Amino acid sequence: MWMNRSLVGPAVVAVTFFTQHLKEKYKGGRKKHCKVGENNWPAFGLKETQHGLPIKELVSIWIVVLCTALPISSLFPFLYFMIRDFKVAKTEEDVGYYAGYVGSSFMLGRALTSVLWGMIADRYGRKPVMILGTATVVIFNTLFGLSVNFWMAISTRFLLGSLNGLLGPVKAYASEIFREEYQALGISAISTSWGIGLIIGPALGGFLAQPADKYPAIFSKDSVFGRFPYFLPCLCISLFALVVTIATFFWLPETLHIHKKPCEDSVEAMEAVSRGSTEKEIAQDLEEREPDSKKSLIKNWPLMSSIIVYCIFSLHDMAYTEIFSLWAESPRKYGGLSYSTDNVGVVLAVSGLGLLVFQLSLYPVAEKVLGPIMVARICGVLSIPLLTCYPYMTLLTGFSLSLLLGCASVMKNVLSVSIITGTFILQNKAVDQHQRGAANGIAMTAMSLFKAAGPAGGGAIFSWAQKRQDAAFFPGDQMIFFILNVIEAIGVLLTFKPFLAER
């Protein structure tokens, strides 16, 4: 068999049991009535008691998102070598094709279930979905590290994506737990953590893969890490996810107002009372709001236009993430840099540090002054000449190459995450609270489809480009970065009216 049933069977049973337990726990916690003034709506109560910068909430969300972002791209530095070890590629140039399929399987699985997880988050709460998402990382990321062939690797990545529907609900969670003046910072924390996870993940993969070869004094060839050379980075991420799962279960508050319909407008009613409105005026106002609350999300053009822009940039970012590692590790005779997994890990670690500093210090200021759309436009335009420089870095060697590549990688990731942060803000502003889980589920489904196409398409283009080193029009890797720039330019054009609308 291509997959060990003794491992997968208990894993599926555990996930099923855990889901049922959470369902009963949160279903049983419902109340039939609520009164204005009682602290029955956790999100509202938390917002009202916040004083100053909400450090605790920022850190909590940051860690949860980091947990689910780490495994997404941690495989890219060693995926080239993993596919080569599986012996499925007939030639070295064909490794990119198979690497693309493994990279896409996670996003394909997530695309098929994101709307479902969004609906579950709206029905049972954000917290159960976040707990299940981090628990999924513990189980299936570990199994991926133990993969013995190509099909086991694809299957475990697909299941990891299918059962991890965390990102959509956590975006709704951030918009609900923070006061208005801190919502941009909260959304920025999500995109920062996500971006850093997509950078630190590959850094961990680069440093910890093949430990028996790199650190023979610590790991022997006969140990489990010698027989499974890509297990150590997966195990470290899974252990971190286990700690996050336990902490989330006990300490993270719920934000969804899960009482029945007559109580869902309690906060709006309380705000109306504070303005001096009469009971009749309050009832009339809530009746007028009813059609809007049931309006189809598909017909919400501010939401759908921001999702489309988000998808275009996500396609670009995922393709770039895979192509960067493949390009850096491929031989120089094919236009690469002949980097090792360690070299790639260093570059990505430096990028993560630079990204963290920028997003927590400069982005909230830029967003406040320019607005999320203008920030996205500027960053998109700056990314194009930056990517154009990449193929010419192969002319450099030594320290000059390391310095220039490190600086370019920091700038590229800062620009990409700034764009994604802006689209996050637009999506959450486009819908009301009770629709945010489903809206983010739709966004995750669409984005996951595009991100699934990113590694597959990027891997195929990478393999094709390496076979045309002597072409007259954009030879070799120049064609790869030209195509990435075309996608980026399309995304920038779509940020202008009349396509992109704001609520």
Protein backbone atom coordinates (compact mmCIF):
# COMPACT_ATOMS: atom_id res chain seq x y z
CA MET A 1 0.00 0.00 0.00
CA TRP A 2 1.12 3.56 -0.71
CA MET A 3 -0.10 4.76 2.66
CA ASN A 4 0.13 3.21 6.12
CA ARG A 5 -3.46 2.42 7.23
CA SER A 6 -2.35 1.92 10.82
CA LEU A 7 -1.44 5.62 10.91
CA VAL A 8 -4.32 7.10 8.93
CA GLY A 9 -7.12 5.09 10.59
CA PRO A 10 -6.56 6.39 14.14
CA ALA A 11 -5.96 9.90 12.79
CA VAL A 12 -9.36 10.02 11.05
CA VAL A 13 -11.11 8.56 14.10
CA ALA A 14 -9.47 11.17 16.33
CA VAL A 15 -10.52 14.04 14.07
CA THR A 16 -14.11 12.72 13.88
CA PHE A 17 -14.36 12.32 17.67
CA PHE A 18 -12.87 15.78 18.25
CA THR A 19 -15.33 17.40 15.83
CA GLN A 20 -18.34 15.74 17.50
CA HIS A 21 -17.07 16.76 20.95
CA LEU A 22 -16.74 20.41 19.91
CA LYS A 23 -20.15 20.37 18.24
CA GLU A 24 -21.88 19.11 21.38
CA LYS A 25 -19.88 21.46 23.60
CA TYR A 26 -20.84 24.61 21.75
CA LYS A 27 -24.34 23.53 20.83
CA GLY A 28 -25.10 22.85 24.45
CA GLY A 29 -23.85 26.29 25.43
CA ARG A 30 -26.67 28.15 23.66
CA LYS A 31 -29.26 30.18 25.50
CA LYS A 32 -32.80 30.86 24.40
CA HIS A 33 -32.92 34.45 25.65
CA CYS A 34 -30.53 37.29 26.20
CA LYS A 35 -30.96 40.78 27.57
CA VAL A 36 -29.33 43.99 26.50
CA GLY A 37 -26.68 44.84 29.04
CA GLU A 38 -25.76 41.25 29.89
CA ASN A 39 -22.32 40.24 28.73
CA ASN A 40 -23.72 37.40 26.64
CA TRP A 41 -22.03 38.51 23.46
CA PRO A 42 -18.35 37.82 24.08
CA ALA A 43 -17.04 39.96 21.24
CA PHE A 44 -18.97 43.02 22.38
CA GLY A 45 -17.95 42.51 26.01
CA LEU A 46 -14.30 42.14 25.09
CA LYS A 47 -14.34 45.24 22.94
CA GLU A 48 -15.91 47.32 25.68
CA THR A 49 -13.33 46.24 28.25
CA GLN A 50 -10.32 46.90 26.04
CA HIS A 51 -8.06 49.74 27.14
CA GLY A 52 -5.03 50.70 25.08
CA LEU A 53 -3.28 48.42 22.63
CA PRO A 54 -4.80 44.86 22.80
CA ILE A 55 -1.48 43.01 23.10
CA LYS A 56 -2.96 39.74 24.41
CA GLU A 57 -5.47 39.44 21.55
CA LEU A 58 -2.82 40.35 18.97
CA VAL A 59 -0.41 37.71 20.23
CA SER A 60 -3.14 35.05 20.42
CA ILE A 61 -4.28 35.57 16.84
CA TRP A 62 -0.70 35.89 15.61
CA ILE A 63 0.29 32.51 17.07
CA VAL A 64 -2.81 30.67 15.83
CA VAL A 65 -2.34 31.94 12.27
CA LEU A 66 1.39 31.20 12.39
CA CYS A 67 0.58 27.62 13.39
CA THR A 68 -1.53 27.01 10.31
CA ALA A 69 0.75 28.96 7.93
CA LEU A 70 3.99 27.16 8.79
CA PRO A 71 3.18 23.81 7.10
CA ILE A 72 1.87 25.39 3.90
CA SER A 73 5.26 26.27 2.48
CA SER A 74 7.70 24.52 4.82
CA LEU A 75 8.12 21.78 2.20
CA PHE A 76 9.32 24.03 -0.64
CA PRO A 77 13.06 24.11 0.25
CA PHE A 78 13.28 20.31 0.36
CA LEU A 79 10.51 19.44 -2.10
CA TYR A 80 12.99 19.39 -4.99
CA PHE A 81 15.07 16.76 -3.17
CA MET A 82 12.03 14.85 -1.87
CA ILE A 83 10.63 14.40 -5.38
CA ARG A 84 14.07 13.35 -6.58
CA ASP A 85 14.25 10.76 -3.78
CA PHE A 86 10.82 9.37 -4.73
CA LYS A 87 12.30 8.64 -8.20
CA VAL A 88 9.13 9.61 -10.08
CA ALA A 89 10.78 12.22 -12.33
CA LYS A 90 12.49 10.75 -15.39
CA THR A 91 14.87 13.71 -15.82
CA GLU A 92 16.10 16.46 -13.52
CA GLU A 93 14.20 19.06 -15.52
CA ASP A 94 10.92 17.21 -14.80
CA VAL A 95 11.22 17.52 -11.00
CA GLY A 96 9.32 20.83 -11.13
CA TYR A 97 6.21 19.16 -12.61
CA TYR A 98 5.83 16.69 -9.76
CA ALA A 99 6.81 19.26 -7.14
CA GLY A 100 3.95 21.43 -8.40
CA TYR A 101 1.40 18.66 -7.88
CA VAL A 102 2.46 18.12 -4.27
CA GLY A 103 2.45 21.87 -3.62
CA SER A 104 -1.04 22.23 -5.13
CA SER A 105 -2.69 19.36 -3.26
CA PHE A 106 -2.96 21.35 -0.01
CA MET A 107 -4.71 24.28 -1.69
CA LEU A 108 -7.00 22.01 -3.71
CA GLY A 109 -8.17 20.32 -0.51
CA ARG A 110 -8.78 23.65 1.16
CA ALA A 111 -10.70 24.96 -1.85
CA LEU A 112 -13.19 22.09 -1.59
CA THR A 113 -14.03 22.71 2.09
CA SER A 114 -13.49 26.43 2.83
CA VAL A 115 -17.15 27.43 2.40
CA LEU A 116 -18.21 24.53 4.63
CA TRP A 117 -15.82 25.64 7.38
CA GLY A 118 -17.07 29.21 7.03
CA MET A 119 -20.67 28.04 7.51
CA ILE A 120 -19.65 25.93 10.51
CA ALA A 121 -17.88 28.96 11.99
CA ASP A 122 -21.06 31.04 11.58
CA ARG A 123 -23.19 28.27 13.11
CA TYR A 124 -21.08 26.92 15.98
CA GLY A 125 -18.49 29.65 16.50
CA ARG A 126 -15.02 30.64 15.37
CA LYS A 127 -13.20 28.84 18.17
CA PRO A 128 -14.16 25.21 17.29
CA VAL A 129 -12.98 25.67 13.70
CA MET A 130 -9.69 27.17 14.86
CA ILE A 131 -9.10 24.30 17.29
CA LEU A 132 -9.82 21.68 14.67
CA GLY A 133 -7.55 23.46 12.18
CA THR A 134 -4.55 23.45 14.51
CA ALA A 135 -5.24 19.81 15.51
CA THR A 136 -5.23 18.86 11.83
CA VAL A 137 -1.72 20.28 11.50
CA VAL A 138 -0.58 18.03 14.36
CA ILE A 139 -1.84 14.87 12.67
CA PHE A 140 -1.42 15.23 8.93
CA ASN A 141 1.72 17.36 8.84
CA THR A 142 3.41 14.62 10.87
CA LEU A 143 2.20 11.98 8.41
CA PHE A 144 3.52 14.04 5.50
CA GLY A 145 7.00 13.99 7.04
CA LEU A 146 6.77 10.18 7.12
CA SER A 147 5.81 9.91 3.43
CA VAL A 148 7.55 7.07 1.64
CA ASN A 149 6.32 7.77 -1.90
CA PHE A 150 4.78 10.40 -4.14
CA TRP A 151 1.13 9.41 -3.62
CA MET A 152 1.36 9.36 0.17
CA ALA A 153 2.83 12.86 0.07
CA ILE A 154 -0.02 14.14 -2.11
CA SER A 155 -2.72 12.46 0.02
CA THR A 156 -1.50 13.76 3.37
CA ARG A 157 -1.16 17.29 1.99
CA PHE A 158 -4.66 17.09 0.52
CA LEU A 159 -6.15 15.99 3.86
CA LEU A 160 -4.19 18.68 5.67
CA GLY A 161 -5.76 21.30 3.42
CA SER A 162 -9.27 19.81 3.53
CA LEU A 163 -9.54 19.76 7.33
CA ASN A 164 -7.77 23.06 7.99
CA GLY A 165 -10.37 25.77 7.41
CA LEU A 166 -8.90 28.20 9.91
CA LEU A 167 -7.89 31.29 7.95
CA GLY A 168 -11.38 32.43 6.92
CA PRO A 169 -12.90 32.26 10.44
CA VAL A 170 -9.83 33.82 12.06
CA LYS A 171 -10.18 36.88 9.81
CA ALA A 172 -13.78 37.25 10.99
CA TYR A 173 -12.56 36.67 14.55
CA ALA A 174 -10.05 39.53 14.32
CA SER A 175 -12.63 41.97 12.99
CA GLU A 176 -14.94 41.09 15.91
CA ILE A 177 -12.52 41.04 18.84
CA PHE A 178 -10.81 44.40 18.20
CA ARG A 179 -12.24 47.87 18.61
CA GLU A 180 -12.64 49.93 15.44
CA GLU A 181 -9.40 51.86 15.87
CA TYR A 182 -7.39 48.63 16.16
CA GLN A 183 -9.03 46.57 13.41
CA ALA A 184 -6.43 47.53 10.79
CA LEU A 185 -3.73 46.42 13.23
CA GLY A 186 -5.61 43.15 13.90
CA ILE A 187 -5.97 42.33 10.21
CA SER A 188 -2.34 43.35 9.70
CA ALA A 189 -1.35 40.92 12.47
CA ILE A 190 -3.09 38.10 10.56
CA SER A 191 -1.44 38.87 7.24
CA THR A 192 1.89 39.45 8.97
CA SER A 193 1.72 36.13 10.78
CA TRP A 194 0.58 34.45 7.57
CA GLY A 195 3.40 36.00 5.58
CA ILE A 196 6.00 35.21 8.22
CA GLY A 197 4.69 31.63 8.44
CA LEU A 198 5.13 31.32 4.69
CA ILE A 199 8.74 32.47 5.16
CA ILE A 200 9.78 30.87 8.45
CA GLY A 201 8.17 27.59 7.34
CA PRO A 202 10.55 27.24 4.41
CA ALA A 203 13.41 28.44 6.64
CA LEU A 204 12.69 25.58 9.06
CA GLY A 205 12.39 23.18 6.15
CA GLY A 206 15.71 24.35 4.78
CA PHE A 207 17.62 24.12 8.07
CA LEU A 208 16.10 20.89 9.43
CA ALA A 209 15.62 18.71 6.34
CA GLN A 210 18.12 15.87 5.83
CA PRO A 211 19.52 16.20 9.39
CA ALA A 212 21.54 12.97 9.17
CA ASP A 213 23.56 14.49 6.33
CA LYS A 214 23.92 17.97 7.88
CA TYR A 215 24.34 17.05 11.55
CA PRO A 216 25.78 13.51 11.64
CA ALA A 217 27.06 13.99 15.20
CA ILE A 218 23.46 14.35 16.42
CA PHE A 219 21.39 12.27 13.97
CA SER A 220 22.63 8.92 12.73
CA LYS A 221 21.77 7.36 9.37
CA ASP A 222 19.97 4.51 11.17
CA SER A 223 17.71 6.76 13.24
CA VAL A 224 14.15 7.66 12.27
CA PHE A 225 15.46 11.01 10.99
CA GLY A 226 17.97 9.20 8.81
CA ARG A 227 15.31 6.89 7.32
CA PHE A 228 12.84 9.78 6.93
CA PRO A 229 15.09 12.75 6.01
CA TYR A 230 12.19 15.24 5.80
CA PHE A 231 10.47 14.26 9.05
CA LEU A 232 12.28 16.61 11.48
CA PRO A 233 10.91 19.96 10.16
CA CYS A 234 7.41 18.48 10.01
CA LEU A 235 7.70 17.13 13.54
CA CYS A 236 8.84 20.49 14.96
CA ILE A 237 5.90 22.28 13.35
CA SER A 238 3.47 19.60 14.58
CA LEU A 239 4.73 19.89 18.17
CA PHE A 240 4.25 23.66 18.02
CA ALA A 241 0.73 23.10 16.65
CA LEU A 242 -0.05 20.73 19.54
CA VAL A 243 0.85 23.41 22.10
CA VAL A 244 -1.25 25.99 20.20
CA THR A 245 -4.22 23.60 20.06
CA ILE A 246 -4.19 23.06 23.81
CA ALA A 247 -3.76 26.78 24.53
CA THR A 248 -6.57 27.72 22.13
CA PHE A 249 -8.96 25.20 23.68
CA PHE A 250 -8.52 26.58 27.19
CA TRP A 251 -7.76 30.28 26.80
CA LEU A 252 -9.07 31.71 23.53
CA PRO A 253 -12.51 33.39 23.92
CA GLU A 254 -15.37 32.92 21.47
CA THR A 255 -16.53 36.01 19.55
CA LEU A 256 -19.61 34.80 17.68
CA HIS A 257 -23.03 35.81 19.01
CA ILE A 258 -24.66 32.37 18.88
CA HIS A 259 -28.07 33.09 20.42
CA LYS A 260 -31.28 32.80 18.45
CA LYS A 261 -32.46 35.48 16.06
CA PRO A 262 -34.43 37.76 18.48
CA CYS A 263 -31.20 38.32 20.43
CA GLU A 264 -28.86 38.87 17.49
CA ASP A 265 -29.73 42.56 17.28
CA SER A 266 -29.26 43.24 21.00
CA VAL A 267 -26.19 45.40 20.48
CA GLU A 268 -27.86 47.42 17.73
CA ALA A 269 -30.84 47.88 20.04
CA MET A 270 -28.63 49.01 22.92
CA GLU A 271 -26.89 51.52 20.65
CA ALA A 272 -30.28 52.83 19.55
CA VAL A 273 -31.40 53.25 23.17
CA SER A 274 -28.23 55.20 23.91
CA ARG A 275 -29.22 57.58 21.08
CA GLY A 276 -32.64 58.09 22.67
CA SER A 277 -34.66 56.09 20.10
CA THR A 278 -38.08 54.78 21.07
CA GLU A 279 -39.03 51.11 21.07
CA LYS A 280 -41.10 51.57 17.91
CA GLU A 281 -38.21 53.26 16.09
CA ILE A 282 -35.84 50.48 17.17
CA ALA A 283 -38.20 47.77 15.86
CA GLN A 284 -38.68 49.63 12.56
CA ASP A 285 -34.92 50.03 12.13
CA LEU A 286 -34.29 46.32 12.70
CA GLU A 287 -37.02 45.37 10.22
CA GLU A 288 -35.44 47.62 7.60
CA ARG A 289 -32.07 45.95 8.21
CA GLU A 290 -33.49 42.45 7.73
CA PRO A 291 -33.42 42.29 3.88
CA ASP A 292 -29.80 43.49 3.85
CA SER A 293 -28.77 40.82 6.34
CA LYS A 294 -30.16 38.08 4.11
CA LYS A 295 -28.80 39.50 0.88
CA SER A 296 -26.84 37.02 -1.18
CA LEU A 297 -23.10 37.28 -0.74
CA ILE A 298 -22.63 36.50 -4.44
CA LYS A 299 -24.50 39.72 -5.32
CA ASN A 300 -22.35 41.76 -2.94
CA TRP A 301 -20.04 43.37 -5.51
CA PRO A 302 -17.71 45.11 -3.01
CA LEU A 303 -17.09 41.67 -1.48
CA MET A 304 -16.76 39.77 -4.75
CA SER A 305 -14.50 42.36 -6.40
CA SER A 306 -12.15 42.37 -3.41
CA ILE A 307 -12.09 38.55 -3.46
CA ILE A 308 -11.18 38.50 -7.17
CA VAL A 309 -8.31 40.94 -6.60
CA TYR A 310 -7.23 38.86 -3.59
CA CYS A 311 -7.22 35.72 -5.76
CA ILE A 312 -5.04 37.27 -8.48
CA PHE A 313 -2.41 38.39 -6.00
CA SER A 314 -2.61 35.04 -4.16
CA LEU A 315 -1.96 33.18 -7.42
CA HIS A 316 1.10 35.33 -7.97
CA ASP A 317 2.40 34.92 -4.40
CA MET A 318 2.03 31.14 -4.31
CA ALA A 319 3.66 30.70 -7.71
CA TYR A 320 6.52 32.96 -6.59
CA THR A 321 6.97 31.02 -3.33
CA GLU A 322 7.41 27.72 -5.15
CA ILE A 323 9.44 29.11 -8.03
CA PHE A 324 11.87 30.96 -5.74
CA SER A 325 12.99 27.79 -3.95
CA LEU A 326 13.15 25.72 -7.16
CA TRP A 327 15.07 28.47 -8.95
CA ALA A 328 17.53 29.01 -6.09
CA GLU A 329 18.27 25.28 -5.74
CA SER A 330 18.47 24.36 -9.43
CA PRO A 331 21.92 24.05 -11.05
CA ARG A 332 23.52 27.13 -12.58
CA LYS A 333 23.65 25.43 -15.99
CA TYR A 334 19.82 25.69 -15.98
CA GLY A 335 19.79 29.32 -14.84
CA GLY A 336 19.57 28.67 -11.07
CA LEU A 337 21.82 29.57 -8.16
CA SER A 338 22.89 26.05 -7.05
CA TYR A 339 21.82 26.90 -3.48
CA SER A 340 21.47 24.25 -0.77
CA THR A 341 18.45 23.99 1.54
CA ASP A 342 20.55 25.79 4.20
CA ASN A 343 21.22 28.73 1.88
CA VAL A 344 17.53 29.08 1.04
CA GLY A 345 16.68 28.84 4.74
CA VAL A 346 18.98 31.75 5.58
CA VAL A 347 17.48 33.98 2.88
CA LEU A 348 13.92 33.24 3.99
CA ALA A 349 14.70 33.71 7.69
CA VAL A 350 16.11 37.18 6.99
CA SER A 351 13.00 37.97 4.91
CA GLY A 352 10.75 36.97 7.80
CA LEU A 353 12.52 39.29 10.23
CA GLY A 354 12.27 42.25 7.87
CA LEU A 355 8.61 41.54 7.21
CA LEU A 356 7.79 41.39 10.93
CA VAL A 357 9.40 44.78 11.59
CA PHE A 358 7.62 46.46 8.67
CA GLN A 359 4.13 45.10 9.25
CA LEU A 360 4.02 45.82 12.98
CA SER A 361 5.54 49.29 12.76
CA LEU A 362 5.06 50.90 9.35
CA TYR A 363 2.04 49.24 7.70
CA PRO A 364 -0.66 50.54 10.11
CA VAL A 365 0.65 54.08 9.55
CA ALA A 366 0.72 53.67 5.76
CA GLU A 367 -2.79 52.18 5.78
CA LYS A 368 -4.12 55.05 7.88
CA VAL A 369 -2.57 57.73 5.66
CA LEU A 370 -3.09 56.19 2.19
CA GLY A 371 -5.85 53.60 2.68
CA PRO A 372 -5.63 49.86 1.91
CA ILE A 373 -6.33 50.19 -1.82
CA MET A 374 -3.64 52.79 -2.49
CA VAL A 375 -1.10 50.79 -0.47
CA ALA A 376 -1.92 47.69 -2.56
CA ARG A 377 -1.51 49.63 -5.82
CA ILE A 378 1.86 51.11 -4.86
CA CYS A 379 3.20 47.76 -3.65
CA GLY A 380 1.99 45.99 -6.79
CA VAL A 381 3.69 48.52 -9.08
CA LEU A 382 6.97 48.32 -7.14
CA SER A 383 6.98 44.50 -7.33
CA ILE A 384 7.27 44.49 -11.14
CA PRO A 385 10.75 46.05 -11.56
CA LEU A 386 11.93 44.12 -8.51
CA LEU A 387 11.05 40.75 -10.06
CA THR A 388 12.60 41.80 -13.36
CA CYS A 389 15.99 41.92 -11.61
CA TYR A 390 15.91 38.32 -10.35
CA PRO A 391 17.22 36.47 -13.47
CA TYR A 392 20.27 38.73 -13.59
CA MET A 393 21.33 37.75 -10.07
CA THR A 394 22.83 34.58 -11.56
CA LEU A 395 25.69 36.80 -12.81
CA LEU A 396 26.75 37.37 -9.19
CA THR A 397 28.51 35.09 -6.71
CA GLY A 398 29.58 35.07 -3.08
CA PHE A 399 28.69 37.84 -0.65
CA SER A 400 27.33 40.23 -3.30
CA LEU A 401 24.82 37.60 -4.42
CA SER A 402 23.76 36.80 -0.84
CA LEU A 403 23.34 40.48 0.05
CA LEU A 404 21.36 41.42 -3.05
CA LEU A 405 19.18 38.32 -2.93
CA GLY A 406 18.44 38.86 0.77
CA CYS A 407 17.43 42.49 0.23
CA ALA A 408 15.29 41.62 -2.79
CA SER A 409 13.57 38.81 -0.89
CA VAL A 410 12.76 41.11 2.06
CA MET A 411 11.33 43.76 -0.25
CA LYS A 412 9.29 41.26 -2.26
CA ASN A 413 7.69 39.68 0.79
CA VAL A 414 6.95 43.06 2.41
CA LEU A 415 5.21 44.23 -0.77
CA SER A 416 3.23 41.00 -1.16
CA VAL A 417 1.97 40.88 2.43
CA SER A 418 1.02 44.56 2.34
CA ILE A 419 -1.18 43.86 -0.68
CA ILE A 420 -2.84 40.87 0.99
CA THR A 421 -3.46 42.89 4.17
CA GLY A 422 -5.33 45.53 2.19
CA THR A 423 -7.59 42.95 0.54
CA PHE A 424 -8.29 41.36 3.96
CA ILE A 425 -9.52 44.72 5.27
CA LEU A 426 -11.74 45.33 2.23
CA GLN A 427 -13.35 41.88 2.51
CA ASN A 428 -14.30 42.24 6.16
CA LYS A 429 -15.68 45.75 5.62
CA ALA A 430 -17.91 44.48 2.80
CA VAL A 431 -20.16 42.27 5.00
CA ASP A 432 -21.91 42.31 8.36
CA GLN A 433 -20.74 40.22 11.32
CA HIS A 434 -23.15 37.32 10.89
CA GLN A 435 -21.95 36.81 7.29
CA ARG A 436 -18.21 37.15 7.83
CA GLY A 437 -17.54 33.45 8.35
CA ALA A 438 -19.34 32.49 5.13
CA ALA A 439 -17.83 35.45 3.24
CA ASN A 440 -14.32 34.50 4.29
CA GLY A 441 -15.16 30.89 3.41
CA ILE A 442 -16.00 31.98 -0.15
CA ALA A 443 -12.79 34.01 -0.26
CA MET A 444 -10.79 31.02 0.98
CA THR A 445 -12.37 28.70 -1.59
CA ALA A 446 -11.64 31.02 -4.50
CA MET A 447 -8.17 31.88 -3.20
CA SER A 448 -7.35 28.21 -2.60
CA LEU A 449 -8.28 27.34 -6.18
CA PHE A 450 -5.96 30.05 -7.45
CA LYS A 451 -3.22 29.03 -5.01
CA ALA A 452 -3.62 25.41 -6.10
CA ALA A 453 -3.01 26.56 -9.66
CA GLY A 454 0.03 28.58 -8.52
CA PRO A 455 2.42 25.73 -7.59
CA ALA A 456 1.18 23.43 -10.36
CA GLY A 457 1.44 26.13 -13.01
CA GLY A 458 4.64 27.52 -11.54
CA GLY A 459 6.28 24.10 -11.47
CA ALA A 460 5.25 23.36 -15.05
CA ILE A 461 6.47 26.76 -16.32
CA PHE A 462 9.70 26.34 -14.37
CA SER A 463 10.41 22.94 -15.98
CA TRP A 464 9.51 24.29 -19.43
CA ALA A 465 11.69 27.40 -19.02
CA GLN A 466 14.72 25.36 -17.99
CA LYS A 467 14.53 23.53 -21.31
CA ARG A 468 14.66 26.76 -23.37
CA GLN A 469 17.94 28.32 -22.23
CA ASP A 470 18.87 29.41 -25.76
CA ALA A 471 15.50 30.87 -26.80
CA ALA A 472 15.49 34.31 -28.47
CA PHE A 473 12.49 35.66 -26.52
CA PHE A 474 12.97 35.71 -22.72
CA PRO A 475 15.31 32.70 -22.51
CA GLY A 476 15.33 30.41 -19.49
CA ASP A 477 14.26 31.87 -16.17
CA GLN A 478 13.58 35.30 -17.67
CA MET A 479 10.32 33.84 -19.00
CA ILE A 480 9.32 32.68 -15.49
CA PHE A 481 9.67 36.12 -13.94
CA PHE A 482 8.07 37.79 -16.96
CA ILE A 483 4.93 35.67 -16.47
CA LEU A 484 4.91 36.52 -12.75
CA ASN A 485 5.05 40.21 -13.66
CA VAL A 486 2.12 39.86 -16.07
CA ILE A 487 -0.01 38.37 -13.28
CA GLU A 488 1.05 41.16 -10.90
CA ALA A 489 0.16 43.82 -13.47
CA ILE A 490 -3.32 42.33 -13.95
CA GLY A 491 -3.85 42.44 -10.18
CA VAL A 492 -2.83 46.12 -10.04
CA LEU A 493 -5.21 47.04 -12.88
CA LEU A 494 -8.11 45.36 -11.07
CA THR A 495 -7.63 47.62 -8.02
CA PHE A 496 -9.01 50.57 -9.99
CA LYS A 497 -12.64 51.58 -10.51
CA PRO A 498 -15.06 50.56 -11.89
CA PHE A 499 -13.91 47.01 -11.10
CA LEU A 500 -13.03 47.32 -7.43
CA ALA A 501 -15.81 48.77 -5.29
CA GLU A 502 -15.79 49.79 -1.62
CA ARG A 503 -18.69 49.53 0.76
